[in-house]
Amino acid sequence: MNPDVLEGLRFQGYSPRTLLDVGPDAGAATQGLLQTFPDCVPTLIAPDQAAGLDDAFAGHRFDFVRIDAQGSALDILSGGQAVLRQADYILIQIPLADAARAEPVLAQLAAMGFRTAQVTDVQSQTFLFERAVRRPTQNYRYGPLHGHGPLMDYLRDQKAKNPDFSVIDVGAAANPWSGEVLNATFDMGDCAVAPLHFRGNFNDSRSWDEVLRHVAKHGRFSYAICSHTLEDLAYPAMALEMLPRIADAGYVCVPSRYLESLRPESPYRGFIHHRWVLDNVGPDLILAPKIPLVEFLTMEAEGEWGAQTDRFEFQMHWRGAIAFNPMNGDYLGPTRDAVIGMYGQFFNRP
C-alpha cells in the first residue's frame, strides 16, 4: 500500500478500525497499513477464498478493504456486496487495458456506491475507491512539541494540486507556523499572516458569525488548523462544535497529558495558564478540567515521561465532525473517591 496515500488519509482524519485484505501477499501489504494505523484489526484471506464474502462475514464491517485479484475481482465484489458496501475505502487492482474485464468491475463499484478517490500506483493499476457518502472520523497520536513538518508537507501538496484547497488557522496569532499555506485566520487579536482575518472571542458563539457568513457565501474551508489553543479556552467545546461548521477536515493539537503531568515552567504541574487537558480514551476525545487535584495526584511514570519528548504533543485529525465529551459528562463526581479514581485512570496510562 502506498504510504503517502495512507498518510494523506490520516491527515484527513481517517481512522479505520478493521481491515479486510484479499490477495496473495495480504500479510505483507497489511503491514504498510498498520504502520500508519496501528490500532486497525486485520483479517487476511486468499483470493480463492473470497468469492462468498457475504456468507463468510455476514454481520461484519470492514472499514478498509484491499483486493488484489484481477482475475476474480468482479466475483469478489458481486459475492460480497452487503459486506463491502460498509467499507469506507476499497483499494483494488483493475486492468484498464482490458476493457472487457475492467468495465464490469468499475460498474459494480459504482452500483455499490463507490467513486474513484485516486490512482495509487499506475504501474500495478491500483486504484482507491471511496464511499460516495463519507462517514465522520477522527484519529489520534502523540508527537514532539510543534512537530508539524509532515502536516505542512501534506497541505503544500494539496494546495499545489488544487488552487481551491483553502486553509484557515483558528488561533494563529501567537505562533503562526502555518502562515505559508493559509487563506484565512481567526483569533482574538490581530494576525497579519493570511489574506483574510476574522477577529473574535472563541468562547462567544456570536464571534463565529462572521466566519459562518463567509462560509455560507463561499463554502467551507478545505482544512482548519487549531494549534495550542483549546487548552487555554474557558469553553473549548464551543470551538470543537464550530470547527466542522467552517471546514471539511482539520487538525487539532495541544500539549499532551504527559507534558501537563510534568513541571515544565514552575513548581506546578503543566502550564499554569492552561485550563484543560485533552486526550483520547479509546475512540473518544476527552476534555479533562485542570482541577486542584492534579497537583496532588501520584503520577506513576512521571520520571520516565520527562525523557519521552516525542510524546509531548497530543494530535488529532478529524473529518466531517468532532466527537468529544467532558470528563464524566456534565459534572464531576459523585464522590471524592470517584473523582480521584477517574483522574488517576486518565493520567496514569502508558
Protein backbone atom coordinates (compact mmCIF):
# COMPACT_ATOMS: atom_id res chain seq x y z
CA MET A 1 0.00 0.00 0.00
CA ASN A 2 1.32 3.42 -0.93
CA PRO A 3 2.42 5.05 2.36
CA ASP A 4 1.86 8.57 1.01
CA VAL A 5 -1.76 7.72 0.22
CA LEU A 6 -2.29 6.31 3.70
CA GLU A 7 -0.66 9.34 5.33
CA GLY A 8 -2.94 11.58 3.27
CA LEU A 9 -5.97 9.72 4.63
CA ARG A 10 -4.61 10.11 8.16
CA PHE A 11 -4.20 13.86 7.75
CA GLN A 12 -7.84 13.97 6.63
CA GLY A 13 -8.84 12.40 9.93
CA TYR A 14 -9.41 8.87 8.68
CA SER A 15 -9.07 6.09 11.25
CA PRO A 16 -10.01 2.55 10.11
CA ARG A 17 -10.76 0.11 12.91
CA THR A 18 -10.88 -3.01 10.73
CA LEU A 19 -9.19 -4.18 7.51
CA LEU A 20 -10.05 -6.93 5.05
CA ASP A 21 -7.02 -7.80 2.92
CA VAL A 22 -7.62 -10.13 -0.04
CA GLY A 23 -4.57 -11.15 -2.03
CA PRO A 24 -1.59 -13.46 -2.38
CA ASP A 25 0.64 -11.05 -0.40
CA ALA A 26 -2.01 -9.99 2.05
CA GLY A 27 0.22 -10.17 5.11
CA ALA A 28 2.99 -8.05 3.61
CA ALA A 29 0.57 -5.44 2.29
CA THR A 30 -1.21 -5.24 5.63
CA GLN A 31 1.97 -4.24 7.42
CA GLY A 32 2.09 -0.99 5.46
CA LEU A 33 -1.38 0.00 6.60
CA LEU A 34 -0.66 -0.97 10.20
CA GLN A 35 2.36 1.31 10.27
CA THR A 36 0.03 4.26 9.64
CA PHE A 37 -2.98 2.90 11.56
CA PRO A 38 -1.52 0.65 14.28
CA ASP A 39 -4.86 0.13 16.03
CA CYS A 40 -6.53 -1.36 12.94
CA VAL A 41 -7.50 -5.05 13.25
CA PRO A 42 -6.72 -7.01 10.05
CA THR A 43 -8.40 -10.03 8.50
CA LEU A 44 -6.36 -11.76 5.78
CA ILE A 45 -7.74 -14.15 3.16
CA ALA A 46 -6.51 -15.60 -0.13
CA PRO A 47 -8.34 -14.68 -3.38
CA ASP A 48 -9.68 -18.21 -3.89
CA GLN A 49 -11.42 -17.98 -0.51
CA ALA A 50 -13.09 -14.64 -1.14
CA ALA A 51 -15.87 -15.43 -3.62
CA GLY A 52 -18.56 -15.62 -0.92
CA LEU A 53 -17.74 -12.76 1.46
CA ASP A 54 -21.38 -12.13 2.33
CA ASP A 55 -21.77 -15.71 3.53
CA ALA A 56 -18.42 -15.88 5.32
CA PHE A 57 -18.61 -12.47 7.04
CA ALA A 58 -22.33 -11.79 7.46
CA GLY A 59 -22.82 -9.04 10.02
CA HIS A 60 -19.17 -7.95 9.91
CA ARG A 61 -17.96 -4.49 8.96
CA PHE A 62 -14.57 -3.81 7.41
CA ASP A 63 -13.62 -0.13 7.21
CA PHE A 64 -10.80 -0.58 4.70
CA VAL A 65 -10.70 -3.30 2.03
CA ARG A 66 -7.81 -4.25 -0.23
CA ILE A 67 -8.43 -6.59 -3.18
CA ASP A 68 -5.51 -7.89 -5.23
CA ALA A 69 -7.17 -10.44 -7.51
CA GLN A 70 -7.55 -9.13 -11.04
CA GLY A 71 -8.87 -12.39 -12.42
CA SER A 72 -11.61 -12.71 -9.81
CA ALA A 73 -12.20 -9.11 -8.67
CA LEU A 74 -15.70 -8.99 -10.14
CA ASP A 75 -16.70 -12.27 -8.48
CA ILE A 76 -15.40 -10.99 -5.14
CA LEU A 77 -17.32 -7.72 -5.45
CA SER A 78 -20.51 -9.45 -6.59
CA GLY A 79 -20.37 -12.04 -3.83
CA GLY A 80 -19.61 -9.54 -1.09
CA GLN A 81 -21.87 -6.60 -1.78
CA ALA A 82 -23.51 -6.50 1.65
CA VAL A 83 -20.15 -6.62 3.45
CA LEU A 84 -18.22 -4.37 1.08
CA ARG A 85 -20.86 -1.62 1.00
CA GLN A 86 -19.96 -0.95 4.64
CA ALA A 87 -16.34 -0.09 3.77
CA ASP A 88 -15.04 3.45 3.70
CA TYR A 89 -12.40 2.62 1.09
CA ILE A 90 -11.70 -0.18 -1.36
CA LEU A 91 -8.17 -0.44 -2.75
CA ILE A 92 -8.30 -2.63 -5.85
CA GLN A 93 -6.32 -3.57 -8.95
CA ILE A 94 -8.19 -3.00 -12.22
CA PRO A 95 -6.65 -3.92 -15.62
CA LEU A 96 -7.74 -0.83 -17.54
CA ALA A 97 -6.03 -2.03 -20.72
CA ASP A 98 -8.53 -4.89 -20.84
CA ALA A 99 -11.85 -3.05 -21.18
CA ALA A 100 -13.90 -6.24 -21.17
CA ARG A 101 -12.64 -7.04 -17.67
CA ALA A 102 -12.29 -3.52 -16.32
CA GLU A 103 -15.68 -2.02 -17.20
CA PRO A 104 -17.81 -4.55 -15.26
CA VAL A 105 -15.61 -4.02 -12.17
CA LEU A 106 -15.97 -0.24 -12.43
CA ALA A 107 -19.72 -0.56 -12.96
CA GLN A 108 -20.07 -2.84 -9.94
CA LEU A 109 -18.17 -0.43 -7.70
CA ALA A 110 -20.36 2.45 -8.86
CA ALA A 111 -23.52 0.41 -8.25
CA MET A 112 -22.29 -0.27 -4.71
CA GLY A 113 -21.94 3.47 -4.03
CA PHE A 114 -18.20 3.94 -4.55
CA ARG A 115 -16.36 6.58 -6.56
CA THR A 116 -12.74 6.88 -7.61
CA ALA A 117 -10.64 8.68 -5.00
CA GLN A 118 -7.22 8.45 -6.65
CA VAL A 119 -4.75 6.33 -8.57
CA THR A 120 -2.30 4.92 -6.05
CA ASP A 121 0.04 3.01 -8.38
CA VAL A 122 -0.02 3.47 -12.17
CA GLN A 123 2.29 0.55 -12.87
CA SER A 124 0.21 -2.00 -10.97
CA GLN A 125 -3.05 -0.27 -11.97
CA THR A 126 -4.16 0.06 -8.37
CA PHE A 127 -6.98 2.46 -7.55
CA LEU A 128 -8.52 3.74 -4.35
CA PHE A 129 -12.31 3.98 -4.26
CA GLU A 130 -14.24 5.74 -1.51
CA ARG A 131 -17.84 5.69 -0.34
CA ALA A 132 -19.76 8.47 -2.04
CA VAL A 133 -21.28 9.26 1.37
CA ARG A 134 -18.40 9.73 3.81
CA ARG A 135 -18.61 8.99 7.50
CA PRO A 136 -17.22 11.41 10.08
CA THR A 137 -13.97 10.14 11.55
CA GLN A 138 -11.06 11.23 13.72
CA ASN A 139 -7.70 9.80 14.73
CA TYR A 140 -5.12 10.46 17.42
CA ARG A 141 -1.41 10.17 18.04
CA TYR A 142 1.39 11.72 20.09
CA GLY A 143 4.29 13.64 18.61
CA PRO A 144 7.10 16.01 19.51
CA LEU A 145 6.10 19.51 20.54
CA HIS A 146 5.34 21.60 17.44
CA GLY A 147 6.20 18.68 15.14
CA HIS A 148 4.11 19.93 12.24
CA GLY A 149 6.51 19.25 9.34
CA PRO A 150 4.63 16.28 7.83
CA LEU A 151 1.30 18.12 8.04
CA MET A 152 2.78 21.17 6.32
CA ASP A 153 4.14 18.94 3.54
CA TYR A 154 0.65 17.49 3.09
CA LEU A 155 -1.00 20.92 2.96
CA ARG A 156 1.57 22.29 0.50
CA ASP A 157 0.96 19.28 -1.72
CA GLN A 158 -2.83 19.71 -1.58
CA LYS A 159 -2.61 23.40 -2.47
CA ALA A 160 -0.19 22.66 -5.33
CA LYS A 161 -2.61 20.09 -6.76
CA ASN A 162 -5.70 22.22 -6.28
CA PRO A 163 -5.60 26.04 -6.02
CA ASP A 164 -9.08 25.97 -4.46
CA PHE A 165 -7.85 23.96 -1.47
CA SER A 166 -8.25 26.50 1.35
CA VAL A 167 -6.87 26.56 4.91
CA ILE A 168 -7.95 28.55 7.96
CA ASP A 169 -6.00 28.68 11.22
CA VAL A 170 -8.09 29.20 14.34
CA GLY A 171 -5.77 30.67 16.95
CA ALA A 172 -2.81 31.52 14.72
CA ALA A 173 -1.75 34.86 16.22
CA ALA A 174 0.52 33.55 18.98
CA ASN A 175 2.62 31.26 16.76
CA PRO A 176 1.66 31.43 13.07
CA TRP A 177 3.73 28.43 11.92
CA SER A 178 1.12 27.67 9.27
CA GLY A 179 1.34 31.06 7.52
CA GLU A 180 2.76 29.65 4.29
CA VAL A 181 -0.43 27.74 3.44
CA LEU A 182 -3.11 29.96 4.96
CA ASN A 183 -6.06 31.59 3.26
CA ALA A 184 -7.57 32.91 6.48
CA THR A 185 -7.07 33.22 10.24
CA PHE A 186 -9.41 33.61 13.18
CA ASP A 187 -8.11 34.85 16.52
CA MET A 188 -8.83 37.16 19.43
CA GLY A 189 -6.05 39.51 18.37
CA ASP A 190 -4.72 40.89 15.12
CA CYS A 191 -2.93 38.47 12.83
CA ALA A 192 -1.35 39.51 9.53
CA VAL A 193 -0.15 36.19 8.13
CA ALA A 194 -3.07 35.47 5.74
CA PRO A 195 -5.09 37.43 3.17
CA LEU A 196 -8.22 37.22 5.33
CA HIS A 197 -8.54 37.64 9.10
CA PHE A 198 -11.56 37.24 11.36
CA ARG A 199 -11.27 38.70 14.84
CA GLY A 200 -13.33 37.46 17.75
CA ASN A 201 -13.64 35.59 21.04
CA PHE A 202 -13.65 31.81 20.52
CA ASN A 203 -15.77 31.38 23.66
CA ASP A 204 -18.62 33.51 22.29
CA SER A 205 -20.83 31.96 19.61
CA ARG A 206 -21.57 35.44 18.19
CA SER A 207 -17.88 35.91 17.36
CA TRP A 208 -18.09 32.99 14.94
CA ASP A 209 -20.89 34.65 12.97
CA GLU A 210 -18.57 36.48 10.58
CA VAL A 211 -16.74 33.26 9.73
CA LEU A 212 -20.03 31.42 9.30
CA ARG A 213 -21.35 34.14 6.99
CA HIS A 214 -18.19 33.83 4.89
CA VAL A 215 -18.65 30.06 4.73
CA ALA A 216 -22.32 30.41 3.79
CA LYS A 217 -21.30 32.56 0.82
CA HIS A 218 -18.09 30.84 -0.30
CA GLY A 219 -18.33 27.30 1.08
CA ARG A 220 -16.45 25.68 3.92
CA PHE A 221 -12.68 25.84 4.08
CA SER A 222 -10.97 22.64 3.00
CA TYR A 223 -8.93 22.41 6.19
CA ALA A 224 -8.85 24.01 9.63
CA ILE A 225 -5.84 24.16 11.95
CA CYS A 226 -6.30 24.72 15.69
CA SER A 227 -2.93 24.53 17.40
CA HIS A 228 -2.27 25.04 21.12
CA THR A 229 -5.50 26.97 21.63
CA LEU A 230 -8.20 24.72 23.09
CA GLU A 231 -6.33 24.13 26.36
CA ASP A 232 -6.50 27.89 27.10
CA LEU A 233 -10.19 28.47 26.46
CA ALA A 234 -12.96 28.77 29.02
CA TYR A 235 -15.26 26.81 26.70
CA PRO A 236 -13.27 24.62 24.29
CA ALA A 237 -16.48 22.79 23.41
CA MET A 238 -17.58 25.90 21.50
CA ALA A 239 -14.59 25.69 19.16
CA LEU A 240 -14.89 21.91 18.79
CA GLU A 241 -18.51 22.33 17.71
CA MET A 242 -17.72 25.19 15.33
CA LEU A 243 -14.67 23.79 13.54
CA PRO A 244 -16.67 21.26 11.46
CA ARG A 245 -19.09 24.03 10.53
CA ILE A 246 -16.35 26.08 8.89
CA ALA A 247 -14.13 23.34 7.40
CA ASP A 248 -14.39 19.88 5.85
CA ALA A 249 -11.49 18.45 7.84
CA GLY A 250 -8.77 19.61 10.16
CA TYR A 251 -6.05 19.27 12.76
CA VAL A 252 -6.08 19.93 16.49
CA CYS A 253 -3.05 19.77 18.75
CA VAL A 254 -2.41 20.58 22.42
CA PRO A 255 0.28 19.77 24.99
CA SER A 256 -0.16 16.11 25.87
CA ARG A 257 -1.18 14.74 29.25
CA TYR A 258 2.42 13.56 29.61
CA LEU A 259 3.73 17.13 29.37
CA GLU A 260 0.91 18.51 31.52
CA SER A 261 1.89 15.96 34.20
CA LEU A 262 5.42 17.39 34.43
CA ARG A 263 6.59 20.76 35.75
CA PRO A 264 8.00 22.46 32.64
CA GLU A 265 7.84 26.09 33.77
CA SER A 266 7.26 26.23 37.53
CA PRO A 267 6.72 24.11 40.65
CA TYR A 268 3.18 23.50 39.35
CA ARG A 269 2.15 20.70 37.02
CA GLY A 270 1.85 21.61 33.36
CA PHE A 271 1.42 25.20 32.22
CA ILE A 272 -0.19 27.47 34.76
CA HIS A 273 -2.47 29.25 32.26
CA HIS A 274 -3.95 26.04 30.80
CA ARG A 275 -7.46 25.16 31.85
CA TRP A 276 -7.85 21.75 30.18
CA VAL A 277 -6.01 18.55 29.36
CA LEU A 278 -7.17 16.79 26.20
CA ASP A 279 -6.58 13.16 25.32
CA ASN A 280 -8.44 10.24 23.84
CA VAL A 281 -9.76 7.25 25.73
CA GLY A 282 -10.32 4.69 23.00
CA PRO A 283 -12.22 6.40 20.17
CA ASP A 284 -13.44 9.25 22.39
CA LEU A 285 -11.84 12.68 22.75
CA ILE A 286 -11.98 13.60 26.44
CA LEU A 287 -11.70 17.11 27.93
CA ALA A 288 -10.39 16.99 31.50
CA PRO A 289 -10.55 20.23 33.50
CA LYS A 290 -7.36 21.03 35.42
CA ILE A 291 -8.78 20.99 38.91
CA PRO A 292 -6.50 21.38 42.01
CA LEU A 293 -6.45 17.60 42.42
CA VAL A 294 -3.98 17.37 39.52
CA GLU A 295 -1.25 18.89 41.71
CA PHE A 296 -1.57 16.09 44.27
CA LEU A 297 -2.02 13.06 42.05
CA THR A 298 0.66 10.40 42.13
CA MET A 299 1.97 10.08 38.58
CA GLU A 300 3.38 6.59 38.49
CA ALA A 301 5.70 7.09 35.50
CA GLU A 302 6.41 10.81 35.87
CA GLY A 303 10.18 10.24 35.92
CA GLU A 304 10.04 8.37 32.61
CA TRP A 305 7.70 10.80 30.86
CA GLY A 306 10.18 13.66 31.06
CA ALA A 307 12.51 11.83 28.66
CA GLN A 308 9.76 10.98 26.17
CA THR A 309 9.84 14.24 24.24
CA ASP A 310 8.30 12.50 21.23
CA ARG A 311 5.05 12.33 23.24
CA PHE A 312 4.82 15.92 24.42
CA GLU A 313 2.07 16.87 21.95
CA PHE A 314 -1.37 15.33 21.54
CA GLN A 315 -2.52 15.49 17.91
CA MET A 316 -5.95 14.83 16.44
CA HIS A 317 -7.03 14.84 12.80
CA TRP A 318 -10.74 14.90 12.05
CA ARG A 319 -13.10 14.85 9.08
CA GLY A 320 -16.78 15.75 8.89
CA ALA A 321 -17.42 16.15 12.62
CA ILE A 322 -15.69 16.04 16.00
CA ALA A 323 -16.96 13.69 18.70
CA PHE A 324 -15.93 14.76 22.21
CA ASN A 325 -17.02 14.61 25.83
CA PRO A 326 -16.02 16.38 29.05
CA MET A 327 -14.62 14.01 31.64
CA ASN A 328 -17.54 12.13 33.21
CA GLY A 329 -20.06 14.09 31.17
CA ASP A 330 -21.57 17.27 32.56
CA TYR A 331 -20.34 17.00 36.15
CA LEU A 332 -17.54 15.54 38.26
CA GLY A 333 -18.48 13.16 40.98
CA PRO A 334 -20.50 11.84 42.60
CA THR A 335 -17.93 11.29 45.36
CA ARG A 336 -14.44 12.42 46.28
CA ASP A 337 -13.02 8.93 45.69
CA ALA A 338 -14.75 8.67 42.32
CA VAL A 339 -13.12 11.89 41.11
CA ILE A 340 -9.70 10.81 42.38
CA GLY A 341 -10.17 7.47 40.65
CA MET A 342 -11.18 8.86 37.27
CA TYR A 343 -8.31 11.36 37.23
CA GLY A 344 -5.87 8.66 38.22
CA GLN A 345 -7.08 6.44 35.38
CA PHE A 346 -6.95 9.32 32.90
CA PHE A 347 -3.35 10.34 33.65
CA ASN A 348 -1.73 7.08 34.72
CA ARG A 349 -1.86 5.24 31.40
CA PRO A 350 1.07 4.10 29.23
